[in-house]
C-alpha atoms as a PDB file:
ATOM      1  CA  UNK A   1      -9.897  47.391  -9.109  1.00  0.00           C
ATOM      2  CA  UNK A   2     -12.602  45.441 -10.945  1.00  0.00           C
ATOM      3  CA  UNK A   3     -11.480  46.874 -14.294  1.00  0.00           C
ATOM      4  CA  UNK A   4      -7.926  45.644 -13.566  1.00  0.00           C
ATOM      5  CA  UNK A   5      -9.192  42.136 -12.767  1.00  0.00           C
ATOM      6  CA  UNK A   6     -11.387  42.187 -15.878  1.00  0.00           C
ATOM      7  CA  UNK A   7      -8.420  43.263 -18.019  1.00  0.00           C
ATOM      8  CA  UNK A   8      -6.229  40.498 -16.561  1.00  0.00           C
ATOM      9  CA  UNK A   9      -8.980  37.932 -17.135  1.00  0.00           C
ATOM     10  CA  UNK A  10      -9.364  39.021 -20.777  1.00  0.00           C
ATOM     11  CA  UNK A  11      -5.579  38.805 -21.305  1.00  0.00           C
ATOM     12  CA  UNK A  12      -5.576  35.319 -19.755  1.00  0.00           C
ATOM     13  CA  UNK A  13      -8.498  34.172 -21.956  1.00  0.00           C
ATOM     14  CA  UNK A  14      -6.817  35.513 -25.075  1.00  0.00           C
ATOM     15  CA  UNK A  15      -3.680  33.423 -24.412  1.00  0.00           C
ATOM     16  CA  UNK A  16      -5.475  30.169 -23.535  1.00  0.00           C
ATOM     17  CA  UNK A  17      -7.683  27.679 -25.325  1.00  0.00           C
ATOM     18  CA  UNK A  18     -10.900  26.517 -23.665  1.00  0.00           C
ATOM     19  CA  UNK A  19      -9.241  23.191 -22.849  1.00  0.00           C
ATOM     20  CA  UNK A  20      -6.290  25.039 -21.288  1.00  0.00           C
ATOM     21  CA  UNK A  21      -8.615  27.126 -19.117  1.00  0.00           C
ATOM     22  CA  UNK A  22     -10.495  23.997 -17.981  1.00  0.00           C
ATOM     23  CA  UNK A  23      -7.219  22.249 -17.105  1.00  0.00           C
ATOM     24  CA  UNK A  24      -6.022  25.318 -15.174  1.00  0.00           C
ATOM     25  CA  UNK A  25      -9.242  25.398 -13.139  1.00  0.00           C
ATOM     26  CA  UNK A  26      -9.031  21.657 -12.475  1.00  0.00           C
ATOM     27  CA  UNK A  27      -5.453  22.058 -11.220  1.00  0.00           C
ATOM     28  CA  UNK A  28      -6.530  25.005  -9.052  1.00  0.00           C
ATOM     29  CA  UNK A  29      -9.402  22.934  -7.613  1.00  0.00           C
ATOM     30  CA  UNK A  30      -6.987  20.057  -6.949  1.00  0.00           C
ATOM     31  CA  UNK A  31      -4.566  22.431  -5.218  1.00  0.00           C
ATOM     32  CA  UNK A  32      -7.353  23.858  -3.022  1.00  0.00           C
ATOM     33  CA  UNK A  33      -8.584  20.345  -2.188  1.00  0.00           C
ATOM     34  CA  UNK A  34      -5.041  19.276  -1.224  1.00  0.00           C
ATOM     35  CA  UNK A  35      -4.835  22.172   1.239  1.00  0.00           C
ATOM     36  CA  UNK A  36      -7.916  20.844   3.036  1.00  0.00           C
ATOM     37  CA  UNK A  37      -6.775  18.039   5.414  1.00  0.00           C
ATOM     38  CA  UNK A  38     -10.109  16.195   5.198  1.00  0.00           C
ATOM     39  CA  UNK A  39      -9.809  15.685   1.421  1.00  0.00           C
ATOM     40  CA  UNK A  40      -6.017  15.427   1.128  1.00  0.00           C
ATOM     41  CA  UNK A  41      -5.799  11.697   1.970  1.00  0.00           C
ATOM     42  CA  UNK A  42      -8.582  10.758  -0.450  1.00  0.00           C
ATOM     43  CA  UNK A  43      -7.121  12.741  -3.330  1.00  0.00           C
ATOM     44  CA  UNK A  44      -3.536  11.604  -2.759  1.00  0.00           C
ATOM     45  CA  UNK A  45      -4.723   7.969  -2.560  1.00  0.00           C
ATOM     46  CA  UNK A  46      -6.584   8.375  -5.851  1.00  0.00           C
ATOM     47  CA  UNK A  47      -3.563   9.891  -7.617  1.00  0.00           C
ATOM     48  CA  UNK A  48      -1.184   7.241  -6.224  1.00  0.00           C
ATOM     49  CA  UNK A  49      -3.558   4.397  -7.157  1.00  0.00           C
ATOM     50  CA  UNK A  50      -3.491   5.398 -10.821  1.00  0.00           C
ATOM     51  CA  UNK A  51       0.265   5.966 -10.981  1.00  0.00           C
ATOM     52  CA  UNK A  52       1.471   2.848  -9.115  1.00  0.00           C
ATOM     53  CA  UNK A  53       3.887   0.508 -10.840  1.00  0.00           C
ATOM     54  CA  UNK A  54       4.258  -3.245 -10.589  1.00  0.00           C
ATOM     55  CA  UNK A  55       6.831  -4.343  -7.975  1.00  0.00           C
ATOM     56  CA  UNK A  56      10.079  -5.854  -9.195  1.00  0.00           C
ATOM     57  CA  UNK A  57      11.932  -8.942  -8.055  1.00  0.00           C
ATOM     58  CA  UNK A  58      15.041  -8.382  -5.950  1.00  0.00           C
ATOM     59  CA  UNK A  59      18.289  -9.825  -7.274  1.00  0.00           C
ATOM     60  CA  UNK A  60      20.180  -9.560  -3.976  1.00  0.00           C
ATOM     61  CA  UNK A  61      19.537 -13.150  -2.857  1.00  0.00           C
ATOM     62  CA  UNK A  62      18.926 -12.235   0.816  1.00  0.00           C
ATOM     63  CA  UNK A  63      17.621 -15.044   3.036  1.00  0.00           C
ATOM     64  CA  UNK A  64      15.883 -14.755   6.366  1.00  0.00           C
ATOM     65  CA  UNK A  65      17.818 -16.286   9.244  1.00  0.00           C
ATOM     66  CA  UNK A  66      16.256 -18.331  12.030  1.00  0.00           C
ATOM     67  CA  UNK A  67      16.261 -15.162  14.172  1.00  0.00           C
ATOM     68  CA  UNK A  68      14.375 -13.214  11.483  1.00  0.00           C
ATOM     69  CA  UNK A  69      11.443 -15.593  11.998  1.00  0.00           C
ATOM     70  CA  UNK A  70      11.395 -15.219  15.803  1.00  0.00           C
ATOM     71  CA  UNK A  71       8.673 -12.631  16.380  1.00  0.00           C
ATOM     72  CA  UNK A  72       4.968 -12.597  17.142  1.00  0.00           C
ATOM     73  CA  UNK A  73       1.881 -10.618  16.185  1.00  0.00           C
ATOM     74  CA  UNK A  74      -1.818 -10.521  17.158  1.00  0.00           C
ATOM     75  CA  UNK A  75      -4.812 -11.428  15.012  1.00  0.00           C
ATOM     76  CA  UNK A  76      -8.131  -9.526  15.123  1.00  0.00           C
ATOM     77  CA  UNK A  77      -9.340 -11.667  18.046  1.00  0.00           C
ATOM     78  CA  UNK A  78      -6.217 -10.833  20.054  1.00  0.00           C
ATOM     79  CA  UNK A  79      -4.680 -14.305  19.638  1.00  0.00           C
ATOM     80  CA  UNK A  80      -0.890 -14.556  19.413  1.00  0.00           C
ATOM     81  CA  UNK A  81       0.557 -15.739  16.099  1.00  0.00           C
ATOM     82  CA  UNK A  82       4.179 -16.785  15.530  1.00  0.00           C
ATOM     83  CA  UNK A  83       5.889 -15.689  12.330  1.00  0.00           C
ATOM     84  CA  UNK A  84       8.039 -18.829  12.602  1.00  0.00           C
ATOM     85  CA  UNK A  85       4.889 -20.885  11.843  1.00  0.00           C
ATOM     86  CA  UNK A  86       5.037 -19.463   8.308  1.00  0.00           C
ATOM     87  CA  UNK A  87       8.420 -21.022   7.517  1.00  0.00           C
ATOM     88  CA  UNK A  88       8.176 -23.054   4.317  1.00  0.00           C
ATOM     89  CA  UNK A  89       5.295 -20.924   2.971  1.00  0.00           C
ATOM     90  CA  UNK A  90       5.104 -18.010   0.548  1.00  0.00           C
ATOM     91  CA  UNK A  91       4.524 -14.883   2.664  1.00  0.00           C
ATOM     92  CA  UNK A  92       3.143 -11.481   1.684  1.00  0.00           C
ATOM     93  CA  UNK A  93       4.173  -9.218   4.597  1.00  0.00           C
ATOM     94  CA  UNK A  94       2.889  -5.644   4.471  1.00  0.00           C
ATOM     95  CA  UNK A  95       3.401  -2.846   7.027  1.00  0.00           C
ATOM     96  CA  UNK A  96       0.622  -0.271   6.797  1.00  0.00           C
ATOM     97  CA  UNK A  97      -1.760   2.123   8.588  1.00  0.00           C
ATOM     98  CA  UNK A  98      -5.282   3.448   7.989  1.00  0.00           C
ATOM     99  CA  UNK A  99      -4.045   7.067   8.019  1.00  0.00           C
ATOM    100  CA  UNK A 100      -1.419   6.431   5.301  1.00  0.00           C
ATOM    101  CA  UNK A 101      -2.498   7.638   1.824  1.00  0.00           C
ATOM    102  CA  UNK A 102      -0.163   5.343  -0.159  1.00  0.00           C
ATOM    103  CA  UNK A 103      -1.263   2.371   2.007  1.00  0.00           C
ATOM    104  CA  UNK A 104      -4.914   3.104   1.243  1.00  0.00           C
ATOM    105  CA  UNK A 105      -4.072   3.526  -2.450  1.00  0.00           C
ATOM    106  CA  UNK A 106      -2.563   0.036  -2.768  1.00  0.00           C
ATOM    107  CA  UNK A 107      -5.127  -1.721  -0.542  1.00  0.00           C
ATOM    108  CA  UNK A 108      -7.673  -2.567  -3.282  1.00  0.00           C
ATOM    109  CA  UNK A 109      -4.910  -4.330  -5.262  1.00  0.00           C
ATOM    110  CA  UNK A 110      -3.793  -6.242  -2.150  1.00  0.00           C
ATOM    111  CA  UNK A 111      -7.388  -7.216  -1.369  1.00  0.00           C
ATOM    112  CA  UNK A 112      -7.880  -8.477  -4.932  1.00  0.00           C
ATOM    113  CA  UNK A 113      -4.631 -10.442  -4.676  1.00  0.00           C
ATOM    114  CA  UNK A 114      -5.757 -11.937  -1.349  1.00  0.00           C
ATOM    115  CA  UNK A 115      -9.073 -13.077  -2.837  1.00  0.00           C
ATOM    116  CA  UNK A 116      -7.169 -14.841  -5.615  1.00  0.00           C
ATOM    117  CA  UNK A 117      -4.207 -16.256  -3.634  1.00  0.00           C
ATOM    118  CA  UNK A 118      -5.387 -16.326  -0.010  1.00  0.00           C
ATOM    119  CA  UNK A 119      -5.326 -20.134   0.071  1.00  0.00           C
ATOM    120  CA  UNK A 120      -1.775 -20.451  -1.305  1.00  0.00           C
ATOM    121  CA  UNK A 121      -0.012 -17.403   0.145  1.00  0.00           C
ATOM    122  CA  UNK A 122       0.150 -16.250   3.768  1.00  0.00           C
ATOM    123  CA  UNK A 123      -0.939 -12.602   3.915  1.00  0.00           C
ATOM    124  CA  UNK A 124       0.336 -10.795   7.011  1.00  0.00           C
ATOM    125  CA  UNK A 125      -0.698  -7.144   6.983  1.00  0.00           C
ATOM    126  CA  UNK A 126       0.663  -5.461  10.102  1.00  0.00           C
ATOM    127  CA  UNK A 127      -0.508  -2.188  11.615  1.00  0.00           C
ATOM    128  CA  UNK A 128       0.427  -0.657  14.960  1.00  0.00           C
ATOM    129  CA  UNK A 129      -3.002   0.939  15.269  1.00  0.00           C
ATOM    130  CA  UNK A 130      -5.755  -0.217  17.598  1.00  0.00           C
ATOM    131  CA  UNK A 131      -7.331  -3.420  16.293  1.00  0.00           C
ATOM    132  CA  UNK A 132     -10.776  -1.760  16.480  1.00  0.00           C
ATOM    133  CA  UNK A 133      -9.625   1.116  14.216  1.00  0.00           C
ATOM    134  CA  UNK A 134      -8.252  -1.342  11.660  1.00  0.00           C
ATOM    135  CA  UNK A 135     -11.344  -3.587  11.763  1.00  0.00           C
ATOM    136  CA  UNK A 136     -13.622  -0.569  11.298  1.00  0.00           C
ATOM    137  CA  UNK A 137     -11.576   0.515   8.251  1.00  0.00           C
ATOM    138  CA  UNK A 138     -11.651  -2.988   6.711  1.00  0.00           C
ATOM    139  CA  UNK A 139     -15.402  -3.364   7.318  1.00  0.00           C
ATOM    140  CA  UNK A 140     -16.210   0.077   5.882  1.00  0.00           C
ATOM    141  CA  UNK A 141     -14.312  -0.720   2.677  1.00  0.00           C
ATOM    142  CA  UNK A 142     -15.572  -4.334   2.608  1.00  0.00           C
ATOM    143  CA  UNK A 143     -12.017  -5.732   2.452  1.00  0.00           C
ATOM    144  CA  UNK A 144     -11.577  -9.471   2.985  1.00  0.00           C
ATOM    145  CA  UNK A 145      -7.824  -9.455   3.704  1.00  0.00           C
ATOM    146  CA  UNK A 146      -7.004  -9.972   7.405  1.00  0.00           C
ATOM    147  CA  UNK A 147      -4.889  -7.464   9.298  1.00  0.00           C
ATOM    148  CA  UNK A 148      -2.707  -8.046  12.332  1.00  0.00           C
ATOM    149  CA  UNK A 149      -1.182  -5.989  15.124  1.00  0.00           C
ATOM    150  CA  UNK A 150       2.481  -5.754  16.129  1.00  0.00           C
ATOM    151  CA  UNK A 151       3.354  -7.623  19.303  1.00  0.00           C
ATOM    152  CA  UNK A 152       7.148  -7.910  19.082  1.00  0.00           C
ATOM    153  CA  UNK A 153       9.713  -5.677  17.448  1.00  0.00           C
ATOM    154  CA  UNK A 154      10.400  -6.668  13.857  1.00  0.00           C
ATOM    155  CA  UNK A 155      13.858  -7.927  12.886  1.00  0.00           C
ATOM    156  CA  UNK A 156      16.066  -5.367  11.131  1.00  0.00           C
ATOM    157  CA  UNK A 157      15.651  -7.139   7.780  1.00  0.00           C
ATOM    158  CA  UNK A 158      11.862  -6.657   7.860  1.00  0.00           C
ATOM    159  CA  UNK A 159      11.793  -3.238   9.522  1.00  0.00           C
ATOM    160  CA  UNK A 160      11.014   0.026   7.769  1.00  0.00           C
ATOM    161  CA  UNK A 161      10.513   3.561   9.024  1.00  0.00           C
ATOM    162  CA  UNK A 162       8.391   4.277   5.937  1.00  0.00           C
ATOM    163  CA  UNK A 163       5.044   2.713   5.074  1.00  0.00           C
ATOM    164  CA  UNK A 164       3.724   0.989   3.154  1.00  0.00           C
ATOM    165  CA  UNK A 165       6.573  -1.506   3.204  1.00  0.00           C
ATOM    166  CA  UNK A 166       6.049  -4.922   1.650  1.00  0.00           C
ATOM    167  CA  UNK A 167       8.211  -8.039   1.740  1.00  0.00           C
ATOM    168  CA  UNK A 168       7.562 -11.152  -0.326  1.00  0.00           C
ATOM    169  CA  UNK A 169       9.267 -14.187   1.175  1.00  0.00           C
ATOM    170  CA  UNK A 170       9.677 -17.490  -0.671  1.00  0.00           C
ATOM    171  CA  UNK A 171       9.167 -20.953   0.827  1.00  0.00           C
ATOM    172  CA  UNK A 172      12.916 -21.273   1.386  1.00  0.00           C
ATOM    173  CA  UNK A 173      13.090 -17.920   3.204  1.00  0.00           C
ATOM    174  CA  UNK A 174      14.458 -15.782   0.382  1.00  0.00           C
ATOM    175  CA  UNK A 175      13.434 -12.118   0.354  1.00  0.00           C
ATOM    176  CA  UNK A 176      12.146 -12.033  -3.222  1.00  0.00           C
ATOM    177  CA  UNK A 177      10.565  -8.554  -3.194  1.00  0.00           C
ATOM    178  CA  UNK A 178      11.331  -5.676  -0.848  1.00  0.00           C
ATOM    179  CA  UNK A 179       9.154  -2.676  -1.754  1.00  0.00           C
ATOM    180  CA  UNK A 180       8.927   0.596   0.166  1.00  0.00           C
ATOM    181  CA  UNK A 181       5.955   2.611  -1.098  1.00  0.00           C
ATOM    182  CA  UNK A 182       2.748   1.715  -2.897  1.00  0.00           C
ATOM    183  CA  UNK A 183       2.768  -0.832  -5.714  1.00  0.00           C
ATOM    184  CA  UNK A 184       0.375  -2.452  -8.155  1.00  0.00           C
ATOM    185  CA  UNK A 185       0.221  -5.845  -6.432  1.00  0.00           C
ATOM    186  CA  UNK A 186      -2.496  -7.215  -8.722  1.00  0.00           C
ATOM    187  CA  UNK A 187      -0.445  -6.691 -11.904  1.00  0.00           C
ATOM    188  CA  UNK A 188       0.021  -9.582 -14.332  1.00  0.00           C
ATOM    189  CA  UNK A 189       3.807  -9.571 -13.859  1.00  0.00           C
ATOM    190  CA  UNK A 190       3.551  -9.818 -10.066  1.00  0.00           C
ATOM    191  CA  UNK A 191       0.952 -12.602 -10.289  1.00  0.00           C
ATOM    192  CA  UNK A 192       3.338 -14.462 -12.586  1.00  0.00           C
ATOM    193  CA  UNK A 193       6.080 -14.137  -9.946  1.00  0.00           C
ATOM    194  CA  UNK A 194       3.683 -15.347  -7.245  1.00  0.00           C
ATOM    195  CA  UNK A 195       2.747 -18.401  -9.366  1.00  0.00           C
ATOM    196  CA  UNK A 196       6.437 -19.222  -9.710  1.00  0.00           C
ATOM    197  CA  UNK A 197       6.968 -18.976  -5.930  1.00  0.00           C
ATOM    198  CA  UNK A 198       3.913 -21.124  -5.181  1.00  0.00           C
ATOM    199  CA  UNK A 199       5.118 -23.834  -7.593  1.00  0.00           C
ATOM    200  CA  UNK A 200       8.650 -24.028  -6.062  1.00  0.00           C
END
């Protein structure tokens, strides 16, 4: 048996360059790591983070109705917030969870964006997880962006079965960006769009 394995190994080595062998072993290690549930989220987040694209502006011209603003959420202290209080402001609404690999992948970009635009844009990051779980996650990663908890059901326009889901709403209630999946929120092109919305 060992002579068969040795013969196969020698055939493999003869067909491959050293770089090819290294790449094969790296892919094998990645595959093995992805099988392990404890490392899967970390690895998938890493891969997603480095392959994310900048979000694009919607050209559908959809506006939120009065009813679309009529829902509430909780802050980290358990205080009730009304989404209707954000009318007339630029809103970055993100639906996420701590167990979601793509959510974790885009979080550093969102946090960076919050640090830069937190005074001019309302960041509402919603999770249906326990507030303590979310706060522990944010503290561990040293994220400054606040997170909130669902209180009411979201209107159909802002609802998604998939996360992360992000909605950028202009001051006049137009749904400017509607992105399902991770995105590079700190990209130059998105910051340019945000500047334009802030100046309106």
